[in-house]
Amino acid sequence: MWRDGAYKQVESIKAWLIENLSTDKYCHVSVGCDADKNRKKITYVTSIVLDTRENHGSIFIWKRELLEIRKITLHQKLLAEAERIISVFNEDNILDVIENFDVTCSAHIDINKNPRYKSNEMLAAIRGWIESVGVDVIAKPDSYAASAVADRFARNRKKPKRKKIND
């Protein structure tokens, strides 16, 4: 189930895109995914971000998927994230919708361009896979749809409640 930033349910990605892109306020569509692994589960969050033409912010929708899993390698996690990004473009046919508007499109992957990071080993393979769909790929640190939006909803960011100390 897709939701917007206020947790309001979004019924259709296509309808949401058409409704917002037809206002002519937005110039770029980004799709990203991030995952967070806990002891027995992994949380995948996929996001779609629309950037405004005048650089006055963005709007976004996101979808969370929880899976029971004991062990997963970094390569498996990154491939699963890329698979979710590609599925948005393929299954939901958002490229067909985007072509009808004067906007650009990119996939944001949670892989660092810096070779010091282990995720960099997968950069060429995943970049090629996603580009074969016909979409530009943006990697960290510029991949805000994955590293900011999706990351926010993949991790439980609630602050713990502090206990009140009675005097």
Foldseek 3Di string as FASTA:
>chain_A
DKAWPVRHDDDAPLVVCCVVLVVVQFAEKEKFKEWDDDQFKIKIKIKIWTAGPVRPDIIMMMDIDMDGHHDDDPVRRQVVRLVVRVCCCPVRVVVVSPVVGNHAYAYEGAADCDPVDPSVVCVVVSQVVNCVSVHHYDYPPVRCSHPPVNVVVNDDPDDDDDDDDDD
